[in-house]
Structure formats: structure tokens, C-alpha cells
Amino acid sequence: MQKIPRLTTDQRSNLVAYLDGELPEPATKEIDQVLSKSPAVRHDVEMLARTWDLLDELPRLSSGEDFTARTLAVVKGEEAPKPLLPPSWVERLKSQQLRRAGIVMVWVAALGASAFAGYTVTSNWIPDPSEDLLRNLEVVEKLDLYRNVETPEFLRKLDEKIGSFDAQPAPKP
């Protein structure tokens, strides 16, 4: 069985030029050879030629007198740089950004104020347990010695001999 010749992709893309008679001589001869050997290709070319003939029968539209002026105006308008957003959107976007920035600033200020208030409350109103130790530092430093003392009377006698205590008179029982 004999293989039916078909048009290559390049030859298919040149068919319109072939039908118009605008194809160079070597390319025209290639298409003519395929057409002489293949009825399928002849049918395809015939259908394409009929399509072009039908296009010629369509009514011709004419453009208005101002078509050229309008087209040039559109082209000139497209050459001018267009803003990314319409001006109303730009203004609205700026006002939204300012509003958001204001809201963020208010939140930051509120957080700062609450942090300062929390620090002030905890440092002034809640007692620090280490302050008692600092007030009685002399006693705390000698705590190991005082643990050996059995009665406060011993401490009074010791104070009379050494004089290192700022003893307050102990209440008498």
C-alpha cells in the first residue's frame, strides 16, 4: 500500500501565500508536487480557496470620516502613563492608611500606659518581702550566732558587756 503524501507544517502555513500567488518559486513547486500526488491535500486546498472566495463576498464595511482621528487619539492616550489607581482610590487609600496608623499609635500608647501603671502599682502597693530583711540586716547577718541563744535575757547581758545592740527595753513579763 502506498503512503499518501501530506503537507508539512511549513507548507500548511504557506498555503494562503500559495493561493494568493505570493509564495517563492521553490516553495510553490514543493506544494504543487504534493498536490499532484495527494487527493486529500487537493481537497484541503480547494476548501481553503472556497473559504477565501466566500470572504470576498462579504459586504465591505467602511469606516467613518473621524475613524482616523479617534484611532490616533486612543493611541496617544495609551502612550500617556496611566496612574495605577484612579485618584479617588488613591485618596481613599491614603486616608485608610492614616486611620490605620492612628489606630496603631493609640494601641501602642495604651499598651505603654498600662505597662507603666502595672509597674507603678506593683512597685508601690505590693510589699516587697526583702525589705524586712534589709531593715534587719544586722540580725540576719548574725543569725547563726543567735540561733544558739536560748533566752532573750542572755542577749541583754551580752549587750551590756559588748554594747553592740541598740537594745530597746524589753517588756517585763
N, C-alpha and C. Protein backbone atom coordinates (compact mmCIF):
# COMPACT_ATOMS: atom_id res chain seq x y z
N MET A 1 0.84 -1.18 0.00
CA MET A 1 0.00 0.00 0.00
C MET A 1 0.88 1.24 0.00
N GLN A 2 0.50 2.19 -0.80
CA GLN A 2 1.31 3.37 -0.99
C GLN A 2 0.91 4.44 0.03
N LYS A 3 1.91 5.12 0.58
CA LYS A 3 1.67 6.15 1.58
C LYS A 3 1.20 7.43 0.90
N ILE A 4 0.13 8.05 1.46
CA ILE A 4 -0.42 9.27 0.88
C ILE A 4 0.41 10.45 1.37
N PRO A 5 0.96 11.23 0.44
CA PRO A 5 1.75 12.39 0.86
C PRO A 5 0.87 13.46 1.52
N ARG A 6 1.41 14.11 2.53
CA ARG A 6 0.70 15.17 3.26
C ARG A 6 1.58 16.42 3.26
N LEU A 7 0.97 17.53 3.56
CA LEU A 7 1.71 18.79 3.65
C LEU A 7 2.45 18.87 4.99
N THR A 8 3.65 19.42 4.95
CA THR A 8 4.38 19.64 6.20
C THR A 8 3.79 20.87 6.89
N THR A 9 4.23 21.12 8.09
CA THR A 9 3.73 22.27 8.85
C THR A 9 4.10 23.57 8.15
N ASP A 10 5.33 23.64 7.62
CA ASP A 10 5.75 24.85 6.91
C ASP A 10 4.91 25.04 5.65
N GLN A 11 4.64 23.97 4.94
CA GLN A 11 3.84 24.07 3.72
C GLN A 11 2.41 24.50 4.05
N ARG A 12 1.85 23.99 5.14
CA ARG A 12 0.49 24.39 5.54
C ARG A 12 0.45 25.89 5.88
N SER A 13 1.48 26.38 6.55
CA SER A 13 1.49 27.80 6.90
C SER A 13 1.67 28.68 5.66
N ASN A 14 2.19 28.11 4.57
CA ASN A 14 2.38 28.87 3.32
C ASN A 14 1.21 28.75 2.35
N LEU A 15 0.15 28.02 2.70
CA LEU A 15 -0.96 27.80 1.76
C LEU A 15 -1.65 29.09 1.35
N VAL A 16 -1.84 30.02 2.27
CA VAL A 16 -2.52 31.27 1.93
C VAL A 16 -1.67 32.05 0.93
N ALA A 17 -0.36 32.11 1.17
CA ALA A 17 0.53 32.79 0.23
C ALA A 17 0.52 32.07 -1.12
N TYR A 18 0.41 30.75 -1.10
CA TYR A 18 0.35 29.96 -2.33
C TYR A 18 -0.89 30.32 -3.14
N LEU A 19 -2.04 30.39 -2.46
CA LEU A 19 -3.29 30.72 -3.15
C LEU A 19 -3.28 32.15 -3.69
N ASP A 20 -2.59 33.06 -2.97
CA ASP A 20 -2.53 34.46 -3.43
C ASP A 20 -1.46 34.66 -4.49
N GLY A 21 -0.62 33.63 -4.74
CA GLY A 21 0.44 33.76 -5.73
C GLY A 21 1.63 34.54 -5.21
N GLU A 22 1.80 34.60 -3.92
CA GLU A 22 2.89 35.38 -3.31
C GLU A 22 4.03 34.50 -2.81
N LEU A 23 3.95 33.19 -3.02
CA LEU A 23 4.96 32.26 -2.50
C LEU A 23 6.14 32.19 -3.48
N PRO A 24 7.38 32.12 -2.98
CA PRO A 24 8.55 32.00 -3.86
C PRO A 24 8.47 30.71 -4.69
N GLU A 25 9.18 30.69 -5.79
CA GLU A 25 9.12 29.59 -6.76
C GLU A 25 9.45 28.22 -6.16
N PRO A 26 10.53 28.06 -5.37
CA PRO A 26 10.84 26.71 -4.85
C PRO A 26 9.75 26.17 -3.93
N ALA A 27 9.19 27.02 -3.06
CA ALA A 27 8.14 26.58 -2.14
C ALA A 27 6.87 26.26 -2.92
N THR A 28 6.59 27.01 -3.99
CA THR A 28 5.42 26.75 -4.82
C THR A 28 5.54 25.39 -5.51
N LYS A 29 6.73 25.05 -6.00
CA LYS A 29 6.94 23.76 -6.66
C LYS A 29 6.74 22.60 -5.69
N GLU A 30 7.19 22.78 -4.42
CA GLU A 30 7.02 21.72 -3.41
C GLU A 30 5.53 21.44 -3.18
N ILE A 31 4.74 22.52 -3.03
CA ILE A 31 3.31 22.34 -2.79
C ILE A 31 2.63 21.74 -4.02
N ASP A 32 3.05 22.17 -5.24
CA ASP A 32 2.48 21.60 -6.47
C ASP A 32 2.74 20.10 -6.56
N GLN A 33 3.92 19.65 -6.17
CA GLN A 33 4.24 18.21 -6.21
C GLN A 33 3.34 17.43 -5.26
N VAL A 34 3.13 17.96 -4.04
CA VAL A 34 2.27 17.27 -3.08
C VAL A 34 0.84 17.25 -3.59
N LEU A 35 0.37 18.35 -4.19
CA LEU A 35 -0.99 18.43 -4.73
C LEU A 35 -1.21 17.42 -5.86
N SER A 36 -0.19 17.21 -6.69
CA SER A 36 -0.35 16.28 -7.81
C SER A 36 -0.42 14.83 -7.34
N LYS A 37 0.12 14.54 -6.15
CA LYS A 37 0.17 13.15 -5.67
C LYS A 37 -0.93 12.82 -4.67
N SER A 38 -1.57 13.83 -4.06
CA SER A 38 -2.49 13.53 -2.96
C SER A 38 -3.86 14.19 -3.18
N PRO A 39 -4.90 13.35 -3.32
CA PRO A 39 -6.24 13.92 -3.44
C PRO A 39 -6.70 14.59 -2.14
N ALA A 40 -6.22 14.12 -1.01
CA ALA A 40 -6.62 14.71 0.28
C ALA A 40 -6.09 16.13 0.38
N VAL A 41 -4.87 16.34 -0.03
CA VAL A 41 -4.28 17.67 0.03
C VAL A 41 -4.99 18.59 -0.97
N ARG A 42 -5.32 18.08 -2.18
CA ARG A 42 -6.05 18.87 -3.16
C ARG A 42 -7.39 19.32 -2.58
N HIS A 43 -8.05 18.40 -1.86
CA HIS A 43 -9.34 18.73 -1.24
C HIS A 43 -9.15 19.85 -0.20
N ASP A 44 -8.12 19.74 0.62
CA ASP A 44 -7.87 20.77 1.66
C ASP A 44 -7.62 22.13 1.02
N VAL A 45 -6.82 22.15 -0.04
CA VAL A 45 -6.50 23.42 -0.70
C VAL A 45 -7.74 23.98 -1.38
N GLU A 46 -8.55 23.12 -1.96
CA GLU A 46 -9.79 23.56 -2.60
C GLU A 46 -10.74 24.18 -1.58
N MET A 47 -10.85 23.56 -0.40
CA MET A 47 -11.72 24.09 0.66
C MET A 47 -11.20 25.46 1.14
N LEU A 48 -9.90 25.58 1.28
CA LEU A 48 -9.32 26.86 1.71
C LEU A 48 -9.59 27.94 0.65
N ALA A 49 -9.47 27.58 -0.62
CA ALA A 49 -9.73 28.55 -1.69
C ALA A 49 -11.19 28.97 -1.68
N ARG A 50 -12.11 28.04 -1.47
CA ARG A 50 -13.54 28.40 -1.40
C ARG A 50 -13.81 29.33 -0.22
N THR A 51 -13.15 29.05 0.91
CA THR A 51 -13.33 29.91 2.09
C THR A 51 -12.90 31.33 1.77
N TRP A 52 -11.76 31.46 1.12
CA TRP A 52 -11.28 32.80 0.76
C TRP A 52 -12.25 33.46 -0.22
N ASP A 53 -12.80 32.70 -1.13
CA ASP A 53 -13.77 33.27 -2.08
C ASP A 53 -15.02 33.75 -1.36
N LEU A 54 -15.47 32.97 -0.37
CA LEU A 54 -16.65 33.38 0.40
C LEU A 54 -16.38 34.66 1.20
N LEU A 55 -15.16 34.79 1.68
CA LEU A 55 -14.81 36.01 2.42
C LEU A 55 -14.88 37.23 1.51
N ASP A 56 -14.54 37.03 0.25
CA ASP A 56 -14.62 38.14 -0.70
C ASP A 56 -16.06 38.58 -0.95
N GLU A 57 -17.02 37.69 -0.75
CA GLU A 57 -18.43 38.02 -0.99
C GLU A 57 -19.08 38.77 0.18
N LEU A 58 -18.42 38.80 1.30
CA LEU A 58 -18.98 39.53 2.45
C LEU A 58 -19.00 41.02 2.14
N PRO A 59 -19.99 41.72 2.69
CA PRO A 59 -20.03 43.17 2.41
C PRO A 59 -18.84 43.88 3.06
N ARG A 60 -18.35 44.86 2.38
CA ARG A 60 -17.22 45.64 2.88
C ARG A 60 -17.74 46.73 3.81
N LEU A 61 -17.13 46.82 4.97
CA LEU A 61 -17.51 47.87 5.91
C LEU A 61 -16.60 49.06 5.68
N SER A 62 -17.18 50.22 5.79
CA SER A 62 -16.36 51.42 5.64
C SER A 62 -16.31 52.13 6.99
N SER A 63 -15.21 52.72 7.24
CA SER A 63 -15.07 53.45 8.50
C SER A 63 -15.55 54.87 8.31
N GLY A 64 -15.94 55.47 9.42
CA GLY A 64 -16.43 56.84 9.36
C GLY A 64 -15.29 57.80 9.07
N GLU A 65 -15.67 59.04 8.83
CA GLU A 65 -14.67 60.05 8.50
C GLU A 65 -13.75 60.34 9.68
N ASP A 66 -14.26 60.22 10.89
CA ASP A 66 -13.45 60.54 12.07
C ASP A 66 -12.73 59.32 12.64
N PHE A 67 -12.74 58.19 11.92
CA PHE A 67 -12.11 56.97 12.41
C PHE A 67 -10.61 57.17 12.66
N THR A 68 -9.94 57.80 11.73
CA THR A 68 -8.50 58.02 11.88
C THR A 68 -8.21 58.90 13.07
N ALA A 69 -8.98 59.96 13.25
CA ALA A 69 -8.76 60.88 14.36
C ALA A 69 -9.00 60.18 15.70
N ARG A 70 -10.07 59.38 15.77
CA ARG A 70 -10.36 58.66 17.02
C ARG A 70 -9.28 57.64 17.32
N THR A 71 -8.83 56.93 16.29
CA THR A 71 -7.79 55.92 16.49
C THR A 71 -6.50 56.55 16.98
N LEU A 72 -6.11 57.66 16.37
CA LEU A 72 -4.90 58.35 16.81
C LEU A 72 -5.05 58.89 18.23
N ALA A 73 -6.24 59.36 18.59
CA ALA A 73 -6.47 59.85 19.95
C ALA A 73 -6.35 58.72 20.95
N VAL A 74 -6.86 57.53 20.60
CA VAL A 74 -6.76 56.38 21.50
C VAL A 74 -5.30 55.97 21.66
N VAL A 75 -4.56 55.96 20.54
CA VAL A 75 -3.15 55.58 20.60
C VAL A 75 -2.37 56.56 21.45
N LYS A 76 -2.62 57.85 21.26
CA LYS A 76 -1.93 58.86 22.07
C LYS A 76 -2.30 58.72 23.54
N GLY A 77 -3.55 58.41 23.81
CA GLY A 77 -3.99 58.22 25.20
C GLY A 77 -3.33 57.01 25.83
N GLU A 78 -3.07 55.97 25.05
CA GLU A 78 -2.42 54.78 25.59
C GLU A 78 -0.94 55.02 25.83
N GLU A 79 -0.34 55.95 25.08
CA GLU A 79 1.06 56.25 25.28
C GLU A 79 1.30 57.01 26.57
N ALA A 80 0.33 57.81 27.00
CA ALA A 80 0.46 58.56 28.24
C ALA A 80 0.43 57.60 29.41
N PRO A 81 1.31 57.81 30.41
CA PRO A 81 1.31 56.90 31.56
C PRO A 81 0.02 57.03 32.36
N LYS A 82 -0.56 55.89 32.65
CA LYS A 82 -1.80 55.88 33.41
C LYS A 82 -1.47 55.65 34.88
N PRO A 83 -2.20 56.31 35.77
CA PRO A 83 -1.98 56.02 37.19
C PRO A 83 -2.44 54.60 37.50
N LEU A 84 -1.80 53.99 38.47
CA LEU A 84 -2.15 52.62 38.82
C LEU A 84 -3.58 52.52 39.36
N LEU A 85 -3.99 53.52 40.11
CA LEU A 85 -5.34 53.55 40.66
C LEU A 85 -5.97 54.90 40.34
N PRO A 86 -7.26 54.96 40.19
CA PRO A 86 -7.90 56.26 39.97
C PRO A 86 -7.64 57.19 41.15
N PRO A 87 -7.66 58.50 40.93
CA PRO A 87 -7.35 59.45 42.01
C PRO A 87 -8.22 59.27 43.25
N SER A 88 -9.50 58.96 43.07
CA SER A 88 -10.36 58.78 44.25
C SER A 88 -9.89 57.59 45.08
N TRP A 89 -9.41 56.54 44.42
CA TRP A 89 -8.89 55.37 45.15
C TRP A 89 -7.62 55.73 45.90
N VAL A 90 -6.77 56.54 45.27
CA VAL A 90 -5.51 56.93 45.92
C VAL A 90 -5.81 57.72 47.19
N GLU A 91 -6.72 58.68 47.08
CA GLU A 91 -7.07 59.47 48.26
C GLU A 91 -7.69 58.60 49.35
N ARG A 92 -8.58 57.70 48.94
CA ARG A 92 -9.22 56.82 49.91
C ARG A 92 -8.18 55.91 50.57
N LEU A 93 -7.22 55.43 49.77
CA LEU A 93 -6.17 54.56 50.31
C LEU A 93 -5.30 55.33 51.30
N LYS A 94 -4.97 56.58 50.98
CA LYS A 94 -4.16 57.39 51.89
C LYS A 94 -4.90 57.62 53.21
N SER A 95 -6.19 57.94 53.12
CA SER A 95 -6.95 58.19 54.35
C SER A 95 -7.07 56.90 55.17
N GLN A 96 -7.21 55.76 54.50
CA GLN A 96 -7.28 54.49 55.23
C GLN A 96 -5.95 54.20 55.91
N GLN A 97 -4.85 54.48 55.23
CA GLN A 97 -3.54 54.24 55.82
C GLN A 97 -3.32 55.15 57.02
N LEU A 98 -3.73 56.41 56.91
CA LEU A 98 -3.59 57.32 58.05
C LEU A 98 -4.43 56.86 59.22
N ARG A 99 -5.65 56.42 58.93
CA ARG A 99 -6.52 55.95 60.00
C ARG A 99 -5.92 54.73 60.69
N ARG A 100 -5.40 53.79 59.89
CA ARG A 100 -4.79 52.59 60.47
C ARG A 100 -3.56 52.95 61.29
N ALA A 101 -2.75 53.89 60.79
CA ALA A 101 -1.58 54.32 61.54
C ALA A 101 -2.00 54.96 62.86
N GLY A 102 -3.08 55.75 62.84
CA GLY A 102 -3.58 56.36 64.07
C GLY A 102 -4.05 55.31 65.06
N ILE A 103 -4.74 54.31 64.58
CA ILE A 103 -5.22 53.24 65.46
C ILE A 103 -4.04 52.50 66.08
N VAL A 104 -3.02 52.22 65.29
CA VAL A 104 -1.84 51.52 65.81
C VAL A 104 -1.16 52.38 66.86
N MET A 105 -1.05 53.69 66.61
CA MET A 105 -0.40 54.58 67.59
C MET A 105 -1.19 54.60 68.90
N VAL A 106 -2.52 54.63 68.82
CA VAL A 106 -3.35 54.63 70.03
C VAL A 106 -3.13 53.33 70.81
N TRP A 107 -3.09 52.20 70.10
CA TRP A 107 -2.87 50.92 70.77
C TRP A 107 -1.49 50.87 71.45
N VAL A 108 -0.48 51.37 70.76
CA VAL A 108 0.87 51.38 71.34
C VAL A 108 0.89 52.26 72.58
N ALA A 109 0.25 53.43 72.51
CA ALA A 109 0.21 54.32 73.67
C ALA A 109 -0.56 53.67 74.82
N ALA A 110 -1.67 53.00 74.52
CA ALA A 110 -2.46 52.34 75.57
C ALA A 110 -1.66 51.22 76.21
N LEU A 111 -0.96 50.44 75.41
CA LEU A 111 -0.13 49.37 75.98
C LEU A 111 0.99 49.93 76.85
N GLY A 112 1.60 51.01 76.41
CA GLY A 112 2.66 51.64 77.21
C GLY A 112 2.12 52.17 78.52
N ALA A 113 0.96 52.83 78.46
CA ALA A 113 0.36 53.37 79.69
C ALA A 113 -0.02 52.25 80.65
N SER A 114 -0.57 51.16 80.13
CA SER A 114 -0.95 50.05 81.02
C SER A 114 0.28 49.38 81.61
N ALA A 115 1.37 49.29 80.85
CA ALA A 115 2.60 48.71 81.40
C ALA A 115 3.16 49.60 82.52
N PHE A 116 3.14 50.92 82.31
CA PHE A 116 3.63 51.84 83.34
C PHE A 116 2.75 51.77 84.58
N ALA A 117 1.43 51.73 84.39
CA ALA A 117 0.52 51.64 85.54
C ALA A 117 0.74 50.33 86.29
N GLY A 118 0.91 49.24 85.58
CA GLY A 118 1.16 47.96 86.25
C GLY A 118 2.45 47.97 87.04
N TYR A 119 3.50 48.55 86.48
CA TYR A 119 4.77 48.64 87.21
C TYR A 119 4.63 49.50 88.46
N THR A 120 3.95 50.63 88.32
CA THR A 120 3.77 51.53 89.46
C THR A 120 2.99 50.86 90.57
N VAL A 121 1.91 50.20 90.24
CA VAL A 121 1.08 49.54 91.25
C VAL A 121 1.88 48.45 91.96
N THR A 122 2.57 47.63 91.20
CA THR A 122 3.30 46.53 91.85
C THR A 122 4.49 47.02 92.65
N SER A 123 5.14 48.09 92.24
CA SER A 123 6.31 48.54 92.98
C SER A 123 5.94 49.35 94.22
N ASN A 124 4.78 50.00 94.25
CA ASN A 124 4.42 50.85 95.39
C ASN A 124 3.43 50.21 96.36
N TRP A 125 2.50 49.46 95.89
CA TRP A 125 1.44 48.98 96.76
C TRP A 125 1.62 47.56 97.23
N ILE A 126 2.36 46.76 96.53
CA ILE A 126 2.59 45.38 96.97
C ILE A 126 3.90 45.36 97.75
N PRO A 127 3.84 44.92 99.00
CA PRO A 127 5.06 44.96 99.82
C PRO A 127 6.11 43.97 99.30
N ASP A 128 7.36 44.40 99.43
CA ASP A 128 8.48 43.58 98.99
C ASP A 128 9.00 42.82 100.21
N PRO A 129 9.01 41.49 100.18
CA PRO A 129 9.45 40.73 101.35
C PRO A 129 10.92 40.94 101.66
N SER A 130 11.70 41.36 100.74
CA SER A 130 13.12 41.56 101.01
C SER A 130 13.38 42.84 101.80
N GLU A 131 12.41 43.76 101.83
CA GLU A 131 12.61 45.00 102.61
C GLU A 131 12.75 44.69 104.10
N ASP A 132 11.97 43.74 104.62
CA ASP A 132 12.10 43.36 106.04
C ASP A 132 13.50 42.83 106.32
N LEU A 133 14.01 42.03 105.42
CA LEU A 133 15.36 41.50 105.60
C LEU A 133 16.40 42.62 105.58
N LEU A 134 16.22 43.59 104.70
CA LEU A 134 17.17 44.69 104.64
C LEU A 134 17.12 45.56 105.89
N ARG A 135 15.91 45.79 106.44
CA ARG A 135 15.79 46.57 107.67
C ARG A 135 16.47 45.87 108.84
N ASN A 136 16.45 44.59 108.88
CA ASN A 136 17.04 43.81 109.98
C ASN A 136 18.32 43.11 109.53
N LEU A 137 19.10 43.77 108.67
CA LEU A 137 20.28 43.16 108.09
C LEU A 137 21.30 42.74 109.15
N GLU A 138 21.48 43.56 110.18
CA GLU A 138 22.45 43.20 111.21
C GLU A 138 22.08 41.89 111.88
N VAL A 139 20.81 41.70 112.14
CA VAL A 139 20.36 40.48 112.80
C VAL A 139 20.48 39.29 111.84
N VAL A 140 20.14 39.51 110.60
CA VAL A 140 20.19 38.43 109.62
C VAL A 140 21.62 37.96 109.42
N GLU A 141 22.57 38.92 109.40
CA GLU A 141 23.97 38.53 109.19
C GLU A 141 24.50 37.66 110.34
N LYS A 142 23.98 37.89 111.54
CA LYS A 142 24.47 37.13 112.70
C LYS A 142 23.48 36.07 113.15
N LEU A 143 22.61 35.67 112.26
CA LEU A 143 21.55 34.74 112.60
C LEU A 143 22.10 33.42 113.12
N ASP A 144 23.20 32.94 112.58
CA ASP A 144 23.76 31.67 113.05
C ASP A 144 24.17 31.76 114.52
N LEU A 145 24.67 32.91 114.90
CA LEU A 145 25.05 33.07 116.31
C LEU A 145 23.82 33.13 117.21
N TYR A 146 22.80 33.81 116.75
CA TYR A 146 21.61 33.99 117.56
C TYR A 146 20.80 32.71 117.72
N ARG A 147 20.98 31.78 116.85
CA ARG A 147 20.23 30.53 116.97
C ARG A 147 20.66 29.75 118.23
N ASN A 148 21.84 30.00 118.64
CA ASN A 148 22.34 29.31 119.83
C ASN A 148 21.81 29.93 121.13
N VAL A 149 21.21 31.11 121.05
CA VAL A 149 20.71 31.80 122.23
C VAL A 149 19.40 31.13 122.66
N GLU A 150 19.33 30.88 123.97
CA GLU A 150 18.14 30.18 124.44
C GLU A 150 17.09 31.16 124.95
N THR A 151 17.52 32.28 125.55
CA THR A 151 16.55 33.23 126.12
C THR A 151 16.95 34.65 125.76
N PRO A 152 15.99 35.55 125.74
CA PRO A 152 16.32 36.96 125.46
C PRO A 152 17.14 37.59 126.59
N GLU A 153 17.08 37.04 127.77
CA GLU A 153 17.86 37.56 128.90
C GLU A 153 19.35 37.44 128.62
N PHE A 154 19.76 36.37 127.97
CA PHE A 154 21.16 36.17 127.62
C PHE A 154 21.62 37.29 126.67
N LEU A 155 20.76 37.69 125.76
CA LEU A 155 21.11 38.75 124.81
C LEU A 155 21.25 40.09 125.52
N ARG A 156 20.43 40.35 126.52
CA ARG A 156 20.54 41.60 127.27
C ARG A 156 21.86 41.65 128.01
N LYS A 157 22.25 40.58 128.61
CA LYS A 157 23.52 40.54 129.33
C LYS A 157 24.69 40.71 128.36
N LEU A 158 24.56 40.09 127.22
CA LEU A 158 25.61 40.20 126.20
C LEU A 158 25.72 41.62 125.71
N ASP A 159 24.60 42.30 125.58
CA ASP A 159 24.59 43.69 125.12
C ASP A 159 25.24 44.60 126.16
N GLU A 160 25.03 44.31 127.41
CA GLU A 160 25.64 45.12 128.46
C GLU A 160 27.15 44.97 128.44
N LYS A 161 27.63 43.80 128.15
CA LYS A 161 29.07 43.56 128.14
C LYS A 161 29.72 44.10 126.85
N ILE A 162 29.10 43.82 125.70
CA ILE A 162 29.72 44.18 124.42
C ILE A 162 29.23 45.55 123.95
N GLY A 163 27.96 45.83 124.06
CA GLY A 163 27.39 47.10 123.64
C GLY A 163 27.15 47.21 122.14
N SER A 164 26.98 46.15 121.46
CA SER A 164 26.78 46.21 120.00
C SER A 164 25.32 46.26 119.60
N PHE A 165 24.41 46.03 120.51
CA PHE A 165 22.99 46.06 120.16
C PHE A 165 22.41 47.41 120.49
N ASP A 166 21.51 47.86 119.68
CA ASP A 166 20.71 49.02 120.02
C ASP A 166 19.48 48.46 120.67
N ALA A 167 19.64 48.01 121.86
CA ALA A 167 18.55 47.31 122.51
C ALA A 167 17.50 48.27 122.98
N GLN A 168 16.31 47.88 122.76
CA GLN A 168 15.19 48.60 123.31
C GLN A 168 14.80 47.84 124.58
N PRO A 169 14.34 48.54 125.55
CA PRO A 169 13.98 47.83 126.77
C PRO A 169 12.91 46.79 126.49
N ALA A 170 13.19 45.60 126.89
CA ALA A 170 12.25 44.51 126.69
C ALA A 170 11.12 44.62 127.67
N PRO A 171 9.94 44.32 127.21
CA PRO A 171 8.82 44.36 128.14
C PRO A 171 9.01 43.29 129.21
N LYS A 172 8.74 43.66 130.44
CA LYS A 172 8.91 42.73 131.55
C LYS A 172 7.67 41.87 131.65
N PRO A 173 7.89 40.60 131.86
CA PRO A 173 6.73 39.71 131.97
C PRO A 173 6.09 39.73 133.32
